[in-house]
Structure formats: structure tokens, C-alpha cells
Amino acid sequence: ATLQASVTNPSDFDDMTIYQNKSDIIKAYSNINCYT
């Protein structure tokens, strides 16, 4: 739900298989900095 609400094309997250596989490996993101 949050992923779909964060992007311009929510349908990219209709199938979550690849993102579930990724979240099984990447457990967290920290110390996030945005250089714009």
C-alpha cells in the first residue's frame, strides 16, 4: 500500500513477488540522505 502510494505508477506493485524476494535479503535502509 505504501509503495503504491509513493509512486506515479502504482500498478508496478500489483505483483509483489520480486519485492518480497528483495525484502527477504535487504532487511532495512538506514542513515538515509537525499542529495537533490
PDB file of all heavy atoms in Angstrom:
ATOM      1  N   ALA A   1       0.823  -1.203   0.000  1.00  0.00           N
ATOM      2  CA  ALA A   1       0.000   0.000   0.000  1.00  0.00           C
ATOM      3  C   ALA A   1       0.864   1.263   0.000  1.00  0.00           C
ATOM      4  O   ALA A   1       0.596   2.217  -0.758  1.00  0.00           O
ATOM      5  CB  ALA A   1      -0.941   0.003   1.200  1.00  0.00           C
ATOM      6  N   THR A   2       1.894   1.285   0.830  1.00  0.00           N
ATOM      7  CA  THR A   2       2.767   2.461   0.902  1.00  0.00           C
ATOM      8  C   THR A   2       3.568   2.623  -0.376  1.00  0.00           C
ATOM      9  O   THR A   2       3.749   3.747  -0.877  1.00  0.00           O
ATOM     10  CB  THR A   2       3.708   2.362   2.104  1.00  0.00           C
ATOM     11  OG1 THR A   2       2.937   2.280   3.304  1.00  0.00           O
ATOM     12  CG2 THR A   2       4.626   3.576   2.184  1.00  0.00           C
ATOM     13  N   LEU A   3       4.050   1.531  -0.936  1.00  0.00           N
ATOM     14  CA  LEU A   3       4.792   1.602  -2.185  1.00  0.00           C
ATOM     15  C   LEU A   3       3.918   2.164  -3.302  1.00  0.00           C
ATOM     16  O   LEU A   3       4.349   3.035  -4.065  1.00  0.00           O
ATOM     17  CB  LEU A   3       5.312   0.213  -2.569  1.00  0.00           C
ATOM     18  CG  LEU A   3       6.450  -0.333  -1.694  1.00  0.00           C
ATOM     19  CD1 LEU A   3       6.695  -1.808  -1.996  1.00  0.00           C
ATOM     20  CD2 LEU A   3       7.725   0.469  -1.896  1.00  0.00           C
ATOM     21  N   GLN A   4       2.692   1.700  -3.395  1.00  0.00           N
ATOM     22  CA  GLN A   4       1.789   2.188  -4.440  1.00  0.00           C
ATOM     23  C   GLN A   4       1.441   3.656  -4.243  1.00  0.00           C
ATOM     24  O   GLN A   4       1.246   4.384  -5.219  1.00  0.00           O
ATOM     25  CB  GLN A   4       0.530   1.333  -4.468  1.00  0.00           C
ATOM     26  CG  GLN A   4       0.764  -0.073  -4.996  1.00  0.00           C
ATOM     27  CD  GLN A   4      -0.497  -0.910  -5.049  1.00  0.00           C
ATOM     28  OE1 GLN A   4      -1.367  -0.792  -4.196  1.00  0.00           O
ATOM     29  NE2 GLN A   4      -0.606  -1.776  -6.050  1.00  0.00           N
ATOM     30  N   ALA A   5       1.381   4.088  -2.993  1.00  0.00           N
ATOM     31  CA  ALA A   5       1.061   5.484  -2.702  1.00  0.00           C
ATOM     32  C   ALA A   5       2.244   6.413  -2.906  1.00  0.00           C
ATOM     33  O   ALA A   5       2.080   7.637  -2.922  1.00  0.00           O
ATOM     34  CB  ALA A   5       0.557   5.610  -1.265  1.00  0.00           C
ATOM     35  N   SER A   6       3.436   5.843  -3.107  1.00  0.00           N
ATOM     36  CA  SER A   6       4.654   6.644  -3.190  1.00  0.00           C
ATOM     37  C   SER A   6       5.087   6.941  -4.611  1.00  0.00           C
ATOM     38  O   SER A   6       6.011   7.728  -4.820  1.00  0.00           O
ATOM     39  CB  SER A   6       5.806   5.929  -2.469  1.00  0.00           C
ATOM     40  OG  SER A   6       5.497   5.700  -1.107  1.00  0.00           O
ATOM     41  N   VAL A   7       4.431   6.316  -5.602  1.00  0.00           N
ATOM     42  CA  VAL A   7       4.926   6.397  -6.969  1.00  0.00           C
ATOM     43  C   VAL A   7       3.844   6.871  -7.940  1.00  0.00           C
ATOM     44  O   VAL A   7       2.651   6.865  -7.616  1.00  0.00           O
ATOM     45  CB  VAL A   7       5.464   5.025  -7.430  1.00  0.00           C
ATOM     46  CG1 VAL A   7       6.645   4.584  -6.568  1.00  0.00           C
ATOM     47  CG2 VAL A   7       4.365   3.961  -7.409  1.00  0.00           C
ATOM     48  N   THR A   8       4.279   7.254  -9.128  1.00  0.00           N
ATOM     49  CA  THR A   8       3.342   7.734 -10.146  1.00  0.00           C
ATOM     50  C   THR A   8       2.613   6.591 -10.841  1.00  0.00           C
ATOM     51  O   THR A   8       1.545   6.800 -11.414  1.00  0.00           O
ATOM     52  CB  THR A   8       4.085   8.561 -11.202  1.00  0.00           C
ATOM     53  OG1 THR A   8       5.119   7.758 -11.808  1.00  0.00           O
ATOM     54  CG2 THR A   8       4.717   9.806 -10.575  1.00  0.00           C
ATOM     55  N   ASN A   9       3.193   5.409 -10.820  1.00  0.00           N
ATOM     56  CA  ASN A   9       2.585   4.257 -11.492  1.00  0.00           C
ATOM     57  C   ASN A   9       2.393   3.114 -10.487  1.00  0.00           C
ATOM     58  O   ASN A   9       3.224   2.195 -10.408  1.00  0.00           O
ATOM     59  CB  ASN A   9       3.451   3.798 -12.665  1.00  0.00           C
ATOM     60  CG  ASN A   9       2.828   2.651 -13.435  1.00  0.00           C
ATOM     61  OD1 ASN A   9       1.626   2.400 -13.345  1.00  0.00           O
ATOM     62  ND2 ASN A   9       3.644   1.920 -14.185  1.00  0.00           N
ATOM     63  N   PRO A  10       1.311   3.140  -9.704  1.00  0.00           N
ATOM     64  CA  PRO A  10       1.112   2.136  -8.646  1.00  0.00           C
ATOM     65  C   PRO A  10       1.029   0.706  -9.165  1.00  0.00           C
ATOM     66  O   PRO A  10       1.318  -0.232  -8.415  1.00  0.00           O
ATOM     67  CB  PRO A  10      -0.221   2.566  -8.012  1.00  0.00           C
ATOM     68  CG  PRO A  10      -0.408   3.994  -8.388  1.00  0.00           C
ATOM     69  CD  PRO A  10       0.235   4.140  -9.723  1.00  0.00           C
ATOM     70  N   SER A  11       0.664   0.509 -10.427  1.00  0.00           N
ATOM     71  CA  SER A  11       0.484  -0.851 -10.948  1.00  0.00           C
ATOM     72  C   SER A  11       1.794  -1.643 -10.962  1.00  0.00           C
ATOM     73  O   SER A  11       1.763  -2.874 -11.035  1.00  0.00           O
ATOM     74  CB  SER A  11      -0.112  -0.809 -12.357  1.00  0.00           C
ATOM     75  OG  SER A  11       0.771  -0.174 -13.267  1.00  0.00           O
ATOM     76  N   ASP A  12       2.928  -0.953 -10.893  1.00  0.00           N
ATOM     77  CA  ASP A  12       4.214  -1.658 -10.810  1.00  0.00           C
ATOM     78  C   ASP A  12       4.273  -2.563  -9.582  1.00  0.00           C
ATOM     79  O   ASP A  12       5.072  -3.507  -9.538  1.00  0.00           O
ATOM     80  CB  ASP A  12       5.373  -0.660 -10.750  1.00  0.00           C
ATOM     81  CG  ASP A  12       5.816  -0.217 -12.138  1.00  0.00           C
ATOM     82  OD1 ASP A  12       5.198  -0.663 -13.125  1.00  0.00           O
ATOM     83  OD2 ASP A  12       6.764   0.577 -12.228  1.00  0.00           O
ATOM     84  N   PHE A  13       3.467  -2.250  -8.585  1.00  0.00           N
ATOM     85  CA  PHE A  13       3.483  -3.014  -7.341  1.00  0.00           C
ATOM     86  C   PHE A  13       2.244  -3.898  -7.191  1.00  0.00           C
ATOM     87  O   PHE A  13       1.926  -4.335  -6.083  1.00  0.00           O
ATOM     88  CB  PHE A  13       3.615  -2.068  -6.142  1.00  0.00           C
ATOM     89  CG  PHE A  13       4.915  -1.308  -6.126  1.00  0.00           C
ATOM     90  CD1 PHE A  13       4.968   0.000  -6.569  1.00  0.00           C
ATOM     91  CD2 PHE A  13       6.084  -1.912  -5.704  1.00  0.00           C
ATOM     92  CE1 PHE A  13       6.159   0.707  -6.572  1.00  0.00           C
ATOM     93  CE2 PHE A  13       7.284  -1.227  -5.705  1.00  0.00           C
ATOM     94  CZ  PHE A  13       7.316   0.090  -6.142  1.00  0.00           C
ATOM     95  N   ASP A  14       1.565  -4.171  -8.295  1.00  0.00           N
ATOM     96  CA  ASP A  14       0.438  -5.109  -8.232  1.00  0.00           C
ATOM     97  C   ASP A  14       0.934  -6.517  -7.907  1.00  0.00           C
ATOM     98  O   ASP A  14       0.307  -7.248  -7.133  1.00  0.00           O
ATOM     99  CB  ASP A  14      -0.328  -5.114  -9.555  1.00  0.00           C
ATOM    100  CG  ASP A  14      -1.177  -3.859  -9.735  1.00  0.00           C
ATOM    101  OD1 ASP A  14      -1.379  -3.128  -8.746  1.00  0.00           O
ATOM    102  OD2 ASP A  14      -1.625  -3.610 -10.872  1.00  0.00           O
ATOM    103  N   ASP A  15       2.037  -6.913  -8.524  1.00  0.00           N
ATOM    104  CA  ASP A  15       2.664  -8.206  -8.236  1.00  0.00           C
ATOM    105  C   ASP A  15       3.870  -7.943  -7.340  1.00  0.00           C
ATOM    106  O   ASP A  15       4.845  -7.316  -7.757  1.00  0.00           O
ATOM    107  CB  ASP A  15       3.092  -8.885  -9.534  1.00  0.00           C
ATOM    108  CG  ASP A  15       3.722 -10.257  -9.299  1.00  0.00           C
ATOM    109  OD1 ASP A  15       3.885 -10.659  -8.130  1.00  0.00           O
ATOM    110  OD2 ASP A  15       4.039 -10.936 -10.294  1.00  0.00           O
ATOM    111  N   MET A  16       3.816  -8.417  -6.123  1.00  0.00           N
ATOM    112  CA  MET A  16       4.851  -8.118  -5.139  1.00  0.00           C
ATOM    113  C   MET A  16       5.920  -9.197  -5.039  1.00  0.00           C
ATOM    114  O   MET A  16       6.779  -9.133  -4.161  1.00  0.00           O
ATOM    115  CB  MET A  16       4.200  -7.906  -3.774  1.00  0.00           C
ATOM    116  CG  MET A  16       3.298  -6.688  -3.691  1.00  0.00           C
ATOM    117  SD  MET A  16       4.214  -5.134  -3.922  1.00  0.00           S
ATOM    118  CE  MET A  16       5.196  -5.087  -2.428  1.00  0.00           C
ATOM    119  N   THR A  17       5.898 -10.178  -5.924  1.00  0.00           N
ATOM    120  CA  THR A  17       6.823 -11.312  -5.797  1.00  0.00           C
ATOM    121  C   THR A  17       8.277 -10.875  -5.758  1.00  0.00           C
ATOM    122  O   THR A  17       9.035 -11.257  -4.865  1.00  0.00           O
ATOM    123  CB  THR A  17       6.626 -12.293  -6.975  1.00  0.00           C
ATOM    124  OG1 THR A  17       5.270 -12.711  -7.017  1.00  0.00           O
ATOM    125  CG2 THR A  17       7.532 -13.509  -6.801  1.00  0.00           C
ATOM    126  N   ILE A  18       8.678 -10.055  -6.719  1.00  0.00           N
ATOM    127  CA  ILE A  18      10.072  -9.651  -6.789  1.00  0.00           C
ATOM    128  C   ILE A  18      10.465  -8.795  -5.586  1.00  0.00           C
ATOM    129  O   ILE A  18      11.582  -8.881  -5.078  1.00  0.00           O
ATOM    130  CB  ILE A  18      10.362  -8.908  -8.109  1.00  0.00           C
ATOM    131  CG1 ILE A  18      11.862  -8.726  -8.305  1.00  0.00           C
ATOM    132  CG2 ILE A  18       9.647  -7.566  -8.179  1.00  0.00           C
ATOM    133  CD1 ILE A  18      12.228  -8.216  -9.682  1.00  0.00           C
ATOM    134  N   TYR A  19       9.533  -7.992  -5.089  1.00  0.00           N
ATOM    135  CA  TYR A  19       9.823  -7.129  -3.937  1.00  0.00           C
ATOM    136  C   TYR A  19       9.854  -7.939  -2.646  1.00  0.00           C
ATOM    137  O   TYR A  19      10.614  -7.620  -1.720  1.00  0.00           O
ATOM    138  CB  TYR A  19       8.796  -5.996  -3.863  1.00  0.00           C
ATOM    139  CG  TYR A  19       8.785  -5.172  -5.123  1.00  0.00           C
ATOM    140  CD1 TYR A  19       7.771  -5.322  -6.074  1.00  0.00           C
ATOM    141  CD2 TYR A  19       9.807  -4.272  -5.398  1.00  0.00           C
ATOM    142  CE1 TYR A  19       7.782  -4.596  -7.246  1.00  0.00           C
ATOM    143  CE2 TYR A  19       9.827  -3.534  -6.562  1.00  0.00           C
ATOM    144  CZ  TYR A  19       8.815  -3.705  -7.493  1.00  0.00           C
ATOM    145  OH  TYR A  19       8.828  -2.987  -8.658  1.00  0.00           O
ATOM    146  N   GLN A  20       9.063  -8.995  -2.571  1.00  0.00           N
ATOM    147  CA  GLN A  20       9.126  -9.889  -1.421  1.00  0.00           C
ATOM    148  C   GLN A  20      10.474 -10.600  -1.389  1.00  0.00           C
ATOM    149  O   GLN A  20      11.106 -10.721  -0.331  1.00  0.00           O
ATOM    150  CB  GLN A  20       7.997 -10.922  -1.477  1.00  0.00           C
ATOM    151  CG  GLN A  20       7.961 -11.866  -0.273  1.00  0.00           C
ATOM    152  CD  GLN A  20       7.747 -11.127   1.037  1.00  0.00           C
ATOM    153  OE1 GLN A  20       6.713 -10.494   1.220  1.00  0.00           O
ATOM    154  NE2 GLN A  20       8.715 -11.204   1.933  1.00  0.00           N
ATOM    155  N   ASN A  21      10.930 -11.057  -2.542  1.00  0.00           N
ATOM    156  CA  ASN A  21      12.241 -11.695  -2.612  1.00  0.00           C
ATOM    157  C   ASN A  21      13.340 -10.729  -2.180  1.00  0.00           C
ATOM    158  O   ASN A  21      14.283 -11.107  -1.476  1.00  0.00           O
ATOM    159  CB  ASN A  21      12.511 -12.189  -4.039  1.00  0.00           C
ATOM    160  CG  ASN A  21      11.640 -13.369  -4.414  1.00  0.00           C
ATOM    161  OD1 ASN A  21      11.213 -14.135  -3.548  1.00  0.00           O
ATOM    162  ND2 ASN A  21      11.367 -13.535  -5.693  1.00  0.00           N
ATOM    163  N   LYS A  22      13.215  -9.475  -2.615  1.00  0.00           N
ATOM    164  CA  LYS A  22      14.217  -8.470  -2.242  1.00  0.00           C
ATOM    165  C   LYS A  22      14.187  -8.187  -0.745  1.00  0.00           C
ATOM    166  O   LYS A  22      15.234  -8.089  -0.100  1.00  0.00           O
ATOM    167  CB  LYS A  22      13.980  -7.176  -3.024  1.00  0.00           C
ATOM    168  CG  LYS A  22      15.012  -6.099  -2.761  1.00  0.00           C
ATOM    169  CD  LYS A  22      14.775  -4.899  -3.650  1.00  0.00           C
ATOM    170  CE  LYS A  22      15.822  -3.821  -3.371  1.00  0.00           C
ATOM    171  NZ  LYS A  22      15.642  -2.644  -4.246  1.00  0.00           N
ATOM    172  N   SER A  23      12.986  -8.081  -0.162  1.00  0.00           N
ATOM    173  CA  SER A  23      12.878  -7.773   1.263  1.00  0.00           C
ATOM    174  C   SER A  23      13.348  -8.932   2.128  1.00  0.00           C
ATOM    175  O   SER A  23      13.687  -8.737   3.298  1.00  0.00           O
ATOM    176  CB  SER A  23      11.429  -7.398   1.628  1.00  0.00           C
ATOM    177  OG  SER A  23      10.576  -8.525   1.575  1.00  0.00           O
ATOM    178  N   ASP A  24      13.388 -10.137   1.566  1.00  0.00           N
ATOM    179  CA  ASP A  24      13.953 -11.274   2.291  1.00  0.00           C
ATOM    180  C   ASP A  24      15.461 -11.130   2.450  1.00  0.00           C
ATOM    181  O   ASP A  24      16.053 -11.731   3.348  1.00  0.00           O
ATOM    182  CB  ASP A  24      13.641 -12.587   1.558  1.00  0.00           C
ATOM    183  CG  ASP A  24      12.176 -12.981   1.644  1.00  0.00           C
ATOM    184  OD1 ASP A  24      11.472 -12.453   2.532  1.00  0.00           O
ATOM    185  OD2 ASP A  24      11.733 -13.791   0.812  1.00  0.00           O
ATOM    186  N   ILE A  25      16.087 -10.345   1.577  1.00  0.00           N
ATOM    187  CA  ILE A  25      17.536 -10.152   1.609  1.00  0.00           C
ATOM    188  C   ILE A  25      17.901  -8.806   2.238  1.00  0.00           C
ATOM    189  O   ILE A  25      18.704  -8.736   3.163  1.00  0.00           O
ATOM    190  CB  ILE A  25      18.117 -10.229   0.180  1.00  0.00           C
ATOM    191  CG1 ILE A  25      17.766 -11.567  -0.460  1.00  0.00           C
ATOM    192  CG2 ILE A  25      19.630 -10.039   0.222  1.00  0.00           C
ATOM    193  CD1 ILE A  25      18.332 -12.776   0.222  1.00  0.00           C
ATOM    194  N   ILE A  26      17.292  -7.724   1.742  1.00  0.00           N
ATOM    195  CA  ILE A  26      17.567  -6.393   2.277  1.00  0.00           C
ATOM    196  C   ILE A  26      16.582  -6.130   3.406  1.00  0.00           C
ATOM    197  O   ILE A  26      15.397  -5.918   3.179  1.00  0.00           O
ATOM    198  CB  ILE A  26      17.430  -5.310   1.185  1.00  0.00           C
ATOM    199  CG1 ILE A  26      18.299  -5.667  -0.029  1.00  0.00           C
ATOM    200  CG2 ILE A  26      17.807  -3.934   1.750  1.00  0.00           C
ATOM    201  CD1 ILE A  26      19.765  -5.753   0.255  1.00  0.00           C
ATOM    202  N   LYS A  27      17.075  -6.143   4.629  1.00  0.00           N
ATOM    203  CA  LYS A  27      16.197  -6.085   5.801  1.00  0.00           C
ATOM    204  C   LYS A  27      15.857  -4.664   6.227  1.00  0.00           C
ATOM    205  O   LYS A  27      14.827  -4.426   6.861  1.00  0.00           O
ATOM    206  CB  LYS A  27      16.834  -6.831   6.983  1.00  0.00           C
ATOM    207  CG  LYS A  27      17.329  -8.236   6.650  1.00  0.00           C
ATOM    208  CD  LYS A  27      16.256  -9.103   6.032  1.00  0.00           C
ATOM    209  CE  LYS A  27      15.118  -9.431   6.990  1.00  0.00           C
ATOM    210  NZ  LYS A  27      14.134 -10.342   6.366  1.00  0.00           N
ATOM    211  N   ALA A  28      16.721  -3.697   5.905  1.00  0.00           N
ATOM    212  CA  ALA A  28      16.460  -2.319   6.337  1.00  0.00           C
ATOM    213  C   ALA A  28      17.376  -1.357   5.596  1.00  0.00           C
ATOM    214  O   ALA A  28      18.451  -1.734   5.111  1.00  0.00           O
ATOM    215  CB  ALA A  28      16.678  -2.180   7.845  1.00  0.00           C
ATOM    216  N   TYR A  29      16.914  -0.105   5.506  1.00  0.00           N
ATOM    217  CA  TYR A  29      17.702   1.018   4.998  1.00  0.00           C
ATOM    218  C   TYR A  29      17.803   2.037   6.128  1.00  0.00           C
ATOM    219  O   TYR A  29      16.798   2.388   6.748  1.00  0.00           O
ATOM    220  CB  TYR A  29      17.018   1.662   3.791  1.00  0.00           C
ATOM    221  CG  TYR A  29      16.810   0.742   2.614  1.00  0.00           C
ATOM    222  CD1 TYR A  29      15.729  -0.138   2.580  1.00  0.00           C
ATOM    223  CD2 TYR A  29      17.670   0.762   1.510  1.00  0.00           C
ATOM    224  CE1 TYR A  29      15.516  -0.984   1.492  1.00  0.00           C
ATOM    225  CE2 TYR A  29      17.467  -0.079   0.424  1.00  0.00           C
ATOM    226  CZ  TYR A  29      16.393  -0.949   0.425  1.00  0.00           C
ATOM    227  OH  TYR A  29      16.186  -1.782  -0.644  1.00  0.00           O
ATOM    228  N   SER A  30      19.008   2.526   6.386  1.00  0.00           N
ATOM    229  CA  SER A  30      19.195   3.473   7.491  1.00  0.00           C
ATOM    230  C   SER A  30      20.114   4.604   7.059  1.00  0.00           C
ATOM    231  O   SER A  30      20.761   4.541   6.014  1.00  0.00           O
ATOM    232  CB  SER A  30      19.774   2.754   8.712  1.00  0.00           C
ATOM    233  OG  SER A  30      21.029   2.155   8.405  1.00  0.00           O
ATOM    234  N   ASN A  31      20.183   5.647   7.909  1.00  0.00           N
ATOM    235  CA  ASN A  31      21.029   6.816   7.624  1.00  0.00           C
ATOM    236  C   ASN A  31      20.787   7.348   6.208  1.00  0.00           C
ATOM    237  O   ASN A  31      21.721   7.584   5.440  1.00  0.00           O
ATOM    238  CB  ASN A  31      22.512   6.469   7.809  1.00  0.00           C
ATOM    239  CG  ASN A  31      22.825   5.964   9.194  1.00  0.00           C
ATOM    240  OD1 ASN A  31      22.296   6.463  10.185  1.00  0.00           O
ATOM    241  ND2 ASN A  31      23.672   4.945   9.291  1.00  0.00           N
ATOM    242  N   ILE A  32      19.523   7.542   5.888  1.00  0.00           N
ATOM    243  CA  ILE A  32      19.142   7.964   4.539  1.00  0.00           C
ATOM    244  C   ILE A  32      19.380   9.464   4.364  1.00  0.00           C
ATOM    245  O   ILE A  32      18.903  10.271   5.162  1.00  0.00           O
ATOM    246  CB  ILE A  32      17.666   7.629   4.267  1.00  0.00           C
ATOM    247  CG1 ILE A  32      17.430   6.118   4.406  1.00  0.00           C
ATOM    248  CG2 ILE A  32      17.241   8.110   2.889  1.00  0.00           C
ATOM    249  CD1 ILE A  32      15.966   5.740   4.474  1.00  0.00           C
ATOM    250  N   ASN A  33      20.127   9.822   3.328  1.00  0.00           N
ATOM    251  CA  ASN A  33      20.357  11.219   2.984  1.00  0.00           C
ATOM    252  C   ASN A  33      19.966  11.458   1.534  1.00  0.00           C
ATOM    253  O   ASN A  33      20.241  10.626   0.660  1.00  0.00           O
ATOM    254  CB  ASN A  33      21.828  11.594   3.182  1.00  0.00           C
ATOM    255  CG  ASN A  33      22.200  11.674   4.649  1.00  0.00           C
ATOM    256  OD1 ASN A  33      21.851  12.626   5.337  1.00  0.00           O
ATOM    257  ND2 ASN A  33      22.909  10.659   5.145  1.00  0.00           N
ATOM    258  N   CYS A  34      19.334  12.601   1.290  1.00  0.00           N
ATOM    259  CA  CYS A  34      18.855  12.953  -0.048  1.00  0.00           C
ATOM    260  C   CYS A  34      19.653  14.133  -0.596  1.00  0.00           C
ATOM    261  O   CYS A  34      19.612  15.235  -0.031  1.00  0.00           O
ATOM    262  CB  CYS A  34      17.366  13.312  -0.008  1.00  0.00           C
ATOM    263  SG  CYS A  34      16.296  11.935   0.462  1.00  0.00           S
ATOM    264  N   TYR A  35      20.379  13.898  -1.672  1.00  0.00           N
ATOM    265  CA  TYR A  35      21.153  14.927  -2.348  1.00  0.00           C
ATOM    266  C   TYR A  35      20.399  15.277  -3.626  1.00  0.00           C
ATOM    267  O   TYR A  35      20.263  14.440  -4.520  1.00  0.00           O
ATOM    268  CB  TYR A  35      22.568  14.431  -2.632  1.00  0.00           C
ATOM    269  CG  TYR A  35      23.289  14.016  -1.370  1.00  0.00           C
ATOM    270  CD1 TYR A  35      23.236  12.701  -0.915  1.00  0.00           C
ATOM    271  CD2 TYR A  35      23.986  14.940  -0.601  1.00  0.00           C
ATOM    272  CE1 TYR A  35      23.866  12.321   0.259  1.00  0.00           C
ATOM    273  CE2 TYR A  35      24.624  14.576   0.572  1.00  0.00           C
ATOM    274  CZ  TYR A  35      24.560  13.252   0.999  1.00  0.00           C
ATOM    275  OH  TYR A  35      25.180  12.882   2.171  1.00  0.00           O
ATOM    276  N   THR A  36      19.911  16.508  -3.711  1.00  0.00           N
ATOM    277  CA  THR A  36      18.949  16.847  -4.757  1.00  0.00           C
ATOM    278  C   THR A  36      19.443  17.949  -5.690  1.00  0.00           C
ATOM    279  O   THR A  36      20.149  18.879  -5.277  1.00  0.00           O
ATOM    280  CB  THR A  36      17.607  17.279  -4.138  1.00  0.00           C
ATOM    281  OG1 THR A  36      17.831  18.346  -3.195  1.00  0.00           O
ATOM    282  CG2 THR A  36      16.957  16.115  -3.407  1.00  0.00           C
TER     283      THR A  36
END
